[in-house]
């Protein structure tokens, strides 16, 4: 497979070296910068081979090739050294503050007739029955109650 050689100019090299040495950047991005510095063939008679780069940064050959491709396709050095922006918005949480309030109020109330105390599954079932939420698991009920330091015992 034919690979384009990466030849950095002095300014690009300085930006990458400063980025790696700064110590306040994301480790994933620092690794990307290290790979490009290792792939750089400017002013080098002996350059690192892919196998040695993989060992040096503890990545697979495919990961190194993906980083090379990303660098060559990036419109600028800044774009290469940033995390990719999320294309889809995050999923809204199913349990809102209002639902939490209903669950807590239910857990603090008297259990239904025939039950000595509330159980997580009973709370989940009753929350759906009372139309507080469309569906909810007993583990989510547990998380809500732990968040509020409420114990069912």
N, C-alpha and C. Protein backbone atom coordinates (compact mmCIF):
# COMPACT_ATOMS: atom_id res chain seq x y z
N UNK A 1 0.85 -1.18 0.00
CA UNK A 1 0.00 0.00 0.00
C UNK A 1 0.89 1.24 0.00
N UNK A 2 0.62 2.14 -0.90
CA UNK A 2 1.40 3.37 -1.04
C UNK A 2 0.95 4.40 -0.01
N UNK A 3 1.89 4.92 0.77
CA UNK A 3 1.59 5.93 1.78
C UNK A 3 2.27 7.23 1.40
N UNK A 4 1.56 8.31 1.59
CA UNK A 4 2.19 9.61 1.39
C UNK A 4 3.14 9.85 2.54
N UNK A 5 4.28 10.40 2.24
CA UNK A 5 5.26 10.71 3.28
C UNK A 5 4.84 11.99 3.99
N UNK A 6 5.07 12.02 5.29
CA UNK A 6 4.76 13.21 6.07
C UNK A 6 6.06 13.97 6.28
N UNK A 7 6.08 15.20 5.77
CA UNK A 7 7.23 16.07 5.93
C UNK A 7 6.74 17.36 6.58
N UNK A 8 7.15 17.56 7.81
CA UNK A 8 6.71 18.74 8.57
C UNK A 8 7.69 19.88 8.35
N UNK A 9 7.14 21.09 8.29
CA UNK A 9 8.03 22.24 8.29
C UNK A 9 8.36 22.59 9.74
N UNK A 10 9.24 23.53 9.95
CA UNK A 10 9.71 23.87 11.30
C UNK A 10 8.56 24.33 12.21
N UNK A 11 7.66 25.14 11.66
CA UNK A 11 6.54 25.65 12.45
C UNK A 11 5.62 24.51 12.91
N UNK A 12 5.28 23.59 11.99
CA UNK A 12 4.43 22.46 12.34
C UNK A 12 5.08 21.57 13.41
N UNK A 13 6.37 21.34 13.22
CA UNK A 13 7.11 20.51 14.18
C UNK A 13 7.10 21.16 15.56
N UNK A 14 7.32 22.47 15.62
CA UNK A 14 7.33 23.18 16.91
C UNK A 14 5.96 23.12 17.58
N UNK A 15 4.90 23.27 16.78
CA UNK A 15 3.53 23.21 17.34
C UNK A 15 3.30 21.83 17.95
N UNK A 16 3.66 20.78 17.23
CA UNK A 16 3.44 19.42 17.74
C UNK A 16 4.29 19.13 18.97
N UNK A 17 5.55 19.54 18.95
CA UNK A 17 6.42 19.30 20.11
C UNK A 17 5.91 20.05 21.34
N UNK A 18 5.47 21.28 21.15
CA UNK A 18 4.92 22.06 22.26
C UNK A 18 3.64 21.40 22.77
N UNK A 19 2.80 20.91 21.87
CA UNK A 19 1.55 20.25 22.23
C UNK A 19 1.82 19.00 23.08
N UNK A 20 2.83 18.23 22.70
CA UNK A 20 3.18 17.00 23.43
C UNK A 20 3.76 17.33 24.80
N UNK A 21 4.61 18.34 24.88
CA UNK A 21 5.30 18.68 26.13
C UNK A 21 4.44 19.48 27.10
N UNK A 22 3.37 20.10 26.62
CA UNK A 22 2.52 20.95 27.45
C UNK A 22 1.97 20.19 28.66
N UNK A 23 1.49 18.98 28.46
CA UNK A 23 1.02 18.16 29.56
C UNK A 23 -0.41 18.43 30.00
N UNK A 24 -1.08 19.40 29.39
CA UNK A 24 -2.45 19.69 29.80
C UNK A 24 -3.47 19.24 28.75
N UNK A 25 -3.00 18.60 27.71
CA UNK A 25 -3.89 18.18 26.64
C UNK A 25 -4.38 16.75 26.86
N UNK A 26 -5.41 16.37 26.14
CA UNK A 26 -5.98 15.04 26.17
C UNK A 26 -4.92 14.03 25.74
N UNK A 27 -4.78 12.92 26.47
CA UNK A 27 -3.74 11.94 26.18
C UNK A 27 -3.91 11.32 24.78
N UNK A 28 -5.16 11.17 24.36
CA UNK A 28 -5.43 10.63 23.02
C UNK A 28 -4.85 11.56 21.95
N UNK A 29 -5.03 12.85 22.14
CA UNK A 29 -4.52 13.82 21.17
C UNK A 29 -3.00 13.93 21.23
N UNK A 30 -2.44 13.79 22.42
CA UNK A 30 -0.97 13.80 22.56
C UNK A 30 -0.38 12.61 21.81
N UNK A 31 -1.02 11.45 21.92
CA UNK A 31 -0.55 10.27 21.20
C UNK A 31 -0.59 10.51 19.70
N UNK A 32 -1.66 11.15 19.22
CA UNK A 32 -1.75 11.48 17.78
C UNK A 32 -0.58 12.36 17.36
N UNK A 33 -0.27 13.36 18.19
CA UNK A 33 0.83 14.27 17.86
C UNK A 33 2.16 13.51 17.86
N UNK A 34 2.35 12.61 18.82
CA UNK A 34 3.59 11.82 18.87
C UNK A 34 3.75 10.97 17.61
N UNK A 35 2.66 10.38 17.16
CA UNK A 35 2.71 9.54 15.96
C UNK A 35 3.16 10.37 14.76
N UNK A 36 2.61 11.55 14.61
CA UNK A 36 2.98 12.40 13.47
C UNK A 36 4.44 12.82 13.58
N UNK A 37 4.89 13.13 14.79
CA UNK A 37 6.30 13.49 14.96
C UNK A 37 7.20 12.30 14.58
N UNK A 38 6.78 11.10 14.93
CA UNK A 38 7.57 9.91 14.58
C UNK A 38 7.52 9.62 13.08
N UNK A 39 6.40 9.94 12.44
CA UNK A 39 6.27 9.70 10.99
C UNK A 39 6.98 10.76 10.15
N UNK A 40 7.31 11.86 10.76
CA UNK A 40 7.94 12.98 10.04
C UNK A 40 9.27 12.55 9.43
N UNK A 41 9.45 12.86 8.15
CA UNK A 41 10.68 12.49 7.45
C UNK A 41 11.57 13.69 7.13
N UNK A 42 11.20 14.86 7.60
CA UNK A 42 12.01 16.03 7.31
C UNK A 42 13.29 16.00 8.15
N UNK A 43 14.40 16.32 7.51
CA UNK A 43 15.71 16.38 8.16
C UNK A 43 16.10 15.07 8.84
N UNK A 44 15.67 13.96 8.31
CA UNK A 44 16.02 12.67 8.91
C UNK A 44 16.57 11.75 7.84
N UNK A 45 17.73 11.20 8.13
CA UNK A 45 18.25 10.17 7.24
C UNK A 45 17.62 8.83 7.63
N UNK A 46 17.53 8.61 8.93
CA UNK A 46 16.91 7.39 9.45
C UNK A 46 15.58 7.76 10.07
N UNK A 47 14.51 7.26 9.52
CA UNK A 47 13.19 7.51 10.08
C UNK A 47 12.68 6.24 10.75
N UNK A 48 11.71 6.41 11.63
CA UNK A 48 11.15 5.26 12.32
C UNK A 48 10.21 4.50 11.40
N UNK A 49 10.30 3.21 11.44
CA UNK A 49 9.39 2.37 10.68
C UNK A 49 8.09 2.22 11.46
N UNK A 50 7.04 1.86 10.74
CA UNK A 50 5.71 1.74 11.35
C UNK A 50 5.73 0.80 12.56
N UNK A 51 6.41 -0.32 12.44
CA UNK A 51 6.48 -1.29 13.54
C UNK A 51 7.05 -0.68 14.82
N UNK A 52 8.12 0.10 14.67
CA UNK A 52 8.74 0.74 15.85
C UNK A 52 7.84 1.84 16.40
N UNK A 53 7.15 2.56 15.52
CA UNK A 53 6.22 3.60 15.98
C UNK A 53 5.10 2.94 16.78
N UNK A 54 4.60 1.83 16.30
CA UNK A 54 3.53 1.11 17.01
C UNK A 54 3.98 0.73 18.41
N UNK A 55 5.20 0.24 18.53
CA UNK A 55 5.74 -0.12 19.85
C UNK A 55 5.95 1.13 20.71
N UNK A 56 6.45 2.19 20.11
CA UNK A 56 6.75 3.43 20.83
C UNK A 56 5.52 4.06 21.45
N UNK A 57 4.41 4.09 20.71
CA UNK A 57 3.20 4.74 21.21
C UNK A 57 2.13 3.73 21.65
N UNK A 58 2.45 2.43 21.55
CA UNK A 58 1.55 1.35 21.98
C UNK A 58 0.22 1.40 21.25
N UNK A 59 0.29 1.42 19.92
CA UNK A 59 -0.89 1.40 19.07
C UNK A 59 -0.72 0.33 18.00
N UNK A 60 -1.82 -0.03 17.37
CA UNK A 60 -1.77 -1.00 16.27
C UNK A 60 -1.34 -0.29 14.98
N UNK A 61 -0.98 -1.09 14.00
CA UNK A 61 -0.61 -0.52 12.69
C UNK A 61 -1.79 0.24 12.09
N UNK A 62 -2.99 -0.32 12.23
CA UNK A 62 -4.17 0.33 11.68
C UNK A 62 -4.39 1.69 12.33
N UNK A 63 -4.20 1.78 13.64
CA UNK A 63 -4.39 3.05 14.35
C UNK A 63 -3.38 4.08 13.86
N UNK A 64 -2.13 3.66 13.66
CA UNK A 64 -1.10 4.59 13.16
C UNK A 64 -1.46 5.05 11.75
N UNK A 65 -1.92 4.13 10.92
CA UNK A 65 -2.32 4.50 9.55
C UNK A 65 -3.54 5.43 9.56
N UNK A 66 -4.47 5.20 10.48
CA UNK A 66 -5.64 6.08 10.60
C UNK A 66 -5.22 7.49 11.02
N UNK A 67 -4.25 7.57 11.93
CA UNK A 67 -3.76 8.88 12.37
C UNK A 67 -3.06 9.59 11.22
N UNK A 68 -2.27 8.85 10.46
CA UNK A 68 -1.58 9.43 9.29
C UNK A 68 -2.63 9.99 8.31
N UNK A 69 -3.66 9.21 8.04
CA UNK A 69 -4.71 9.62 7.11
C UNK A 69 -5.43 10.87 7.63
N UNK A 70 -5.74 10.87 8.93
CA UNK A 70 -6.43 12.03 9.53
C UNK A 70 -5.57 13.28 9.42
N UNK A 71 -4.26 13.14 9.62
CA UNK A 71 -3.36 14.29 9.52
C UNK A 71 -3.32 14.82 8.09
N UNK A 72 -3.21 13.92 7.13
CA UNK A 72 -3.13 14.34 5.74
C UNK A 72 -4.44 14.97 5.24
N UNK A 73 -5.58 14.54 5.81
CA UNK A 73 -6.88 15.07 5.39
C UNK A 73 -7.31 16.31 6.17
N UNK A 74 -6.66 16.56 7.31
CA UNK A 74 -7.06 17.70 8.15
C UNK A 74 -6.74 19.01 7.43
N UNK A 75 -7.70 19.95 7.45
CA UNK A 75 -7.47 21.22 6.77
C UNK A 75 -6.38 22.07 7.44
N UNK A 76 -6.17 21.87 8.74
CA UNK A 76 -5.14 22.64 9.44
C UNK A 76 -4.62 21.83 10.63
N UNK A 77 -3.51 22.28 11.18
CA UNK A 77 -2.92 21.62 12.34
C UNK A 77 -3.87 21.71 13.53
N UNK A 78 -4.52 22.85 13.69
CA UNK A 78 -5.46 23.02 14.81
C UNK A 78 -6.60 22.03 14.73
N UNK A 79 -7.14 21.82 13.54
CA UNK A 79 -8.24 20.87 13.37
C UNK A 79 -7.78 19.44 13.70
N UNK A 80 -6.55 19.11 13.35
CA UNK A 80 -6.01 17.78 13.65
C UNK A 80 -5.84 17.57 15.15
N UNK A 81 -5.49 18.64 15.86
CA UNK A 81 -5.22 18.54 17.30
C UNK A 81 -6.46 18.81 18.17
N UNK A 82 -7.64 18.72 17.59
CA UNK A 82 -8.87 18.88 18.35
C UNK A 82 -9.71 17.62 18.24
N UNK A 83 -10.54 17.41 19.25
CA UNK A 83 -11.47 16.28 19.19
C UNK A 83 -12.56 16.59 18.17
N UNK A 84 -13.01 15.55 17.53
CA UNK A 84 -14.07 15.68 16.54
C UNK A 84 -15.37 16.07 17.25
N UNK A 85 -16.09 17.02 16.68
CA UNK A 85 -17.35 17.46 17.26
C UNK A 85 -18.40 16.37 17.05
N UNK A 86 -19.24 16.23 18.03
CA UNK A 86 -20.31 15.23 18.00
C UNK A 86 -21.32 15.59 16.91
N UNK A 87 -21.68 14.60 16.07
CA UNK A 87 -22.62 14.86 14.98
C UNK A 87 -24.07 14.78 15.44
N UNK A 88 -24.35 13.89 16.39
CA UNK A 88 -25.71 13.76 16.89
C UNK A 88 -25.77 14.29 18.32
N UNK A 89 -26.87 14.91 18.68
CA UNK A 89 -26.96 15.41 20.06
C UNK A 89 -27.06 14.25 21.04
N UNK A 90 -26.64 14.47 22.28
CA UNK A 90 -26.75 13.39 23.26
C UNK A 90 -28.22 13.06 23.53
N UNK A 91 -28.45 11.84 23.95
CA UNK A 91 -29.81 11.41 24.25
C UNK A 91 -30.25 12.06 25.56
N UNK A 92 -31.43 12.64 25.52
CA UNK A 92 -31.97 13.27 26.72
C UNK A 92 -32.22 12.21 27.78
N UNK A 93 -31.96 12.53 29.05
CA UNK A 93 -32.22 11.54 30.09
C UNK A 93 -33.71 11.24 30.20
N UNK A 94 -34.01 9.99 30.41
CA UNK A 94 -35.39 9.55 30.49
C UNK A 94 -36.03 10.02 31.80
N UNK A 95 -35.24 10.01 32.87
CA UNK A 95 -35.75 10.39 34.19
C UNK A 95 -35.44 11.87 34.43
N UNK A 96 -36.49 12.65 34.50
CA UNK A 96 -36.35 14.09 34.76
C UNK A 96 -36.48 14.36 36.25
N UNK A 97 -36.26 15.57 36.64
CA UNK A 97 -36.41 15.96 38.04
C UNK A 97 -37.82 15.73 38.54
N UNK A 98 -38.78 15.95 37.67
CA UNK A 98 -40.19 15.75 38.05
C UNK A 98 -40.46 14.27 38.34
N UNK A 99 -39.94 13.38 37.50
CA UNK A 99 -40.11 11.94 37.71
C UNK A 99 -39.41 11.53 39.01
N UNK A 100 -38.20 12.05 39.23
CA UNK A 100 -37.48 11.76 40.46
C UNK A 100 -38.31 12.16 41.68
N UNK A 101 -38.89 13.35 41.62
CA UNK A 101 -39.70 13.83 42.74
C UNK A 101 -40.88 12.90 43.00
N UNK A 102 -41.53 12.43 41.95
CA UNK A 102 -42.66 11.51 42.10
C UNK A 102 -42.19 10.18 42.72
N UNK A 103 -41.04 9.67 42.26
CA UNK A 103 -40.53 8.40 42.77
C UNK A 103 -40.17 8.53 44.25
N UNK A 104 -39.51 9.63 44.62
CA UNK A 104 -39.13 9.86 46.01
C UNK A 104 -40.38 9.98 46.88
N UNK A 105 -41.36 10.73 46.42
CA UNK A 105 -42.60 10.89 47.18
C UNK A 105 -43.30 9.54 47.35
N UNK A 106 -43.28 8.75 46.31
CA UNK A 106 -43.89 7.43 46.37
C UNK A 106 -43.16 6.54 47.37
N UNK A 107 -41.82 6.58 47.33
CA UNK A 107 -41.01 5.75 48.23
C UNK A 107 -41.20 6.15 49.69
N UNK A 108 -41.50 7.43 49.93
CA UNK A 108 -41.69 7.92 51.30
C UNK A 108 -43.14 7.73 51.78
N UNK A 109 -44.03 7.34 50.89
CA UNK A 109 -45.43 7.16 51.27
C UNK A 109 -45.66 5.75 51.80
N UNK A 110 -46.85 5.49 52.25
CA UNK A 110 -47.22 4.16 52.74
C UNK A 110 -47.28 3.19 51.56
N UNK A 111 -46.78 1.97 51.75
CA UNK A 111 -46.85 0.98 50.67
C UNK A 111 -48.30 0.56 50.42
N UNK A 112 -48.55 0.02 49.23
CA UNK A 112 -49.92 -0.40 48.91
C UNK A 112 -50.43 -1.49 49.88
N UNK A 113 -51.71 -1.62 49.93
CA UNK A 113 -52.33 -2.63 50.79
C UNK A 113 -51.81 -4.02 50.42
N UNK A 114 -51.45 -4.77 51.42
CA UNK A 114 -50.93 -6.12 51.19
C UNK A 114 -49.42 -6.19 51.17
N UNK A 115 -48.74 -5.05 51.24
CA UNK A 115 -47.28 -5.01 51.23
C UNK A 115 -46.79 -4.36 52.52
N UNK A 116 -45.73 -4.93 53.09
CA UNK A 116 -45.16 -4.38 54.32
C UNK A 116 -44.28 -3.17 54.04
N UNK A 117 -43.62 -3.18 52.88
CA UNK A 117 -42.75 -2.04 52.51
C UNK A 117 -42.64 -1.96 50.99
N UNK A 118 -42.11 -0.85 50.52
CA UNK A 118 -41.88 -0.67 49.09
C UNK A 118 -40.67 -1.48 48.67
N UNK A 119 -40.73 -2.07 47.49
CA UNK A 119 -39.57 -2.70 46.87
C UNK A 119 -39.24 -1.90 45.61
N UNK A 120 -38.05 -2.10 45.10
CA UNK A 120 -37.65 -1.37 43.89
C UNK A 120 -38.56 -1.72 42.72
N UNK A 121 -38.87 -2.98 42.57
CA UNK A 121 -39.74 -3.41 41.47
C UNK A 121 -41.16 -2.87 41.63
N UNK A 122 -41.63 -2.84 42.87
CA UNK A 122 -42.96 -2.32 43.14
C UNK A 122 -43.02 -0.82 42.83
N UNK A 123 -41.98 -0.10 43.21
CA UNK A 123 -41.91 1.34 42.89
C UNK A 123 -41.89 1.57 41.39
N UNK A 124 -41.12 0.75 40.67
CA UNK A 124 -41.05 0.89 39.21
C UNK A 124 -42.42 0.62 38.59
N UNK A 125 -43.07 -0.44 39.03
CA UNK A 125 -44.39 -0.79 38.51
C UNK A 125 -45.40 0.33 38.81
N UNK A 126 -45.39 0.83 40.02
CA UNK A 126 -46.36 1.85 40.43
C UNK A 126 -46.09 3.17 39.69
N UNK A 127 -44.83 3.51 39.43
CA UNK A 127 -44.48 4.73 38.69
C UNK A 127 -45.06 4.69 37.28
N UNK A 128 -45.01 3.52 36.66
CA UNK A 128 -45.57 3.36 35.31
C UNK A 128 -47.09 3.39 35.39
N UNK A 129 -47.63 2.70 36.39
CA UNK A 129 -49.08 2.64 36.57
C UNK A 129 -49.68 4.03 36.80
N UNK A 130 -48.96 4.87 37.54
CA UNK A 130 -49.44 6.22 37.85
C UNK A 130 -49.12 7.21 36.71
N UNK A 131 -48.52 6.72 35.64
CA UNK A 131 -48.16 7.51 34.44
C UNK A 131 -47.13 8.60 34.73
N UNK A 132 -46.24 8.36 35.69
CA UNK A 132 -45.15 9.30 35.93
C UNK A 132 -44.12 9.21 34.80
N UNK A 133 -44.00 8.00 34.25
CA UNK A 133 -43.04 7.72 33.19
C UNK A 133 -43.57 6.54 32.39
N UNK A 134 -43.18 6.46 31.11
CA UNK A 134 -43.68 5.40 30.24
C UNK A 134 -43.17 4.02 30.65
N UNK A 135 -41.88 3.94 30.96
CA UNK A 135 -41.30 2.68 31.45
C UNK A 135 -40.05 3.03 32.27
N UNK A 136 -39.77 2.21 33.26
CA UNK A 136 -38.60 2.44 34.12
C UNK A 136 -38.22 1.11 34.77
N UNK A 137 -36.93 0.87 34.91
CA UNK A 137 -36.47 -0.37 35.52
C UNK A 137 -36.25 -0.18 37.02
N UNK A 138 -36.21 -1.29 37.72
CA UNK A 138 -35.96 -1.23 39.16
C UNK A 138 -34.55 -0.71 39.46
N UNK A 139 -33.60 -0.94 38.54
CA UNK A 139 -32.24 -0.43 38.77
C UNK A 139 -32.20 1.09 38.65
N UNK A 140 -33.00 1.64 37.77
CA UNK A 140 -33.08 3.10 37.66
C UNK A 140 -33.72 3.69 38.92
N UNK A 141 -34.73 3.02 39.44
CA UNK A 141 -35.35 3.45 40.69
C UNK A 141 -34.30 3.45 41.81
N UNK A 142 -33.48 2.41 41.83
CA UNK A 142 -32.41 2.31 42.83
C UNK A 142 -31.44 3.48 42.71
N UNK A 143 -31.07 3.82 41.49
CA UNK A 143 -30.16 4.94 41.26
C UNK A 143 -30.77 6.25 41.75
N UNK A 144 -32.04 6.46 41.46
CA UNK A 144 -32.74 7.69 41.89
C UNK A 144 -32.74 7.78 43.42
N UNK A 145 -33.04 6.67 44.07
CA UNK A 145 -33.13 6.69 45.53
C UNK A 145 -31.74 6.85 46.18
N UNK A 146 -30.73 6.22 45.60
CA UNK A 146 -29.36 6.36 46.13
C UNK A 146 -28.89 7.81 46.00
N UNK A 147 -29.25 8.42 44.89
CA UNK A 147 -28.86 9.82 44.65
C UNK A 147 -29.42 10.72 45.74
N UNK A 148 -30.58 10.37 46.28
CA UNK A 148 -31.25 11.17 47.32
C UNK A 148 -31.01 10.60 48.73
N UNK A 149 -30.14 9.58 48.82
CA UNK A 149 -29.84 8.93 50.10
C UNK A 149 -31.09 8.40 50.78
N UNK A 150 -31.94 7.76 50.01
CA UNK A 150 -33.16 7.17 50.55
C UNK A 150 -33.02 5.66 50.53
N UNK A 151 -33.26 5.05 51.67
CA UNK A 151 -33.18 3.61 51.81
C UNK A 151 -34.58 3.03 51.99
N UNK A 152 -34.84 1.88 51.41
CA UNK A 152 -36.15 1.26 51.53
C UNK A 152 -36.26 0.36 52.75
N UNK A 153 -35.18 0.15 53.47
CA UNK A 153 -35.23 -0.73 54.64
C UNK A 153 -35.69 -0.03 55.88
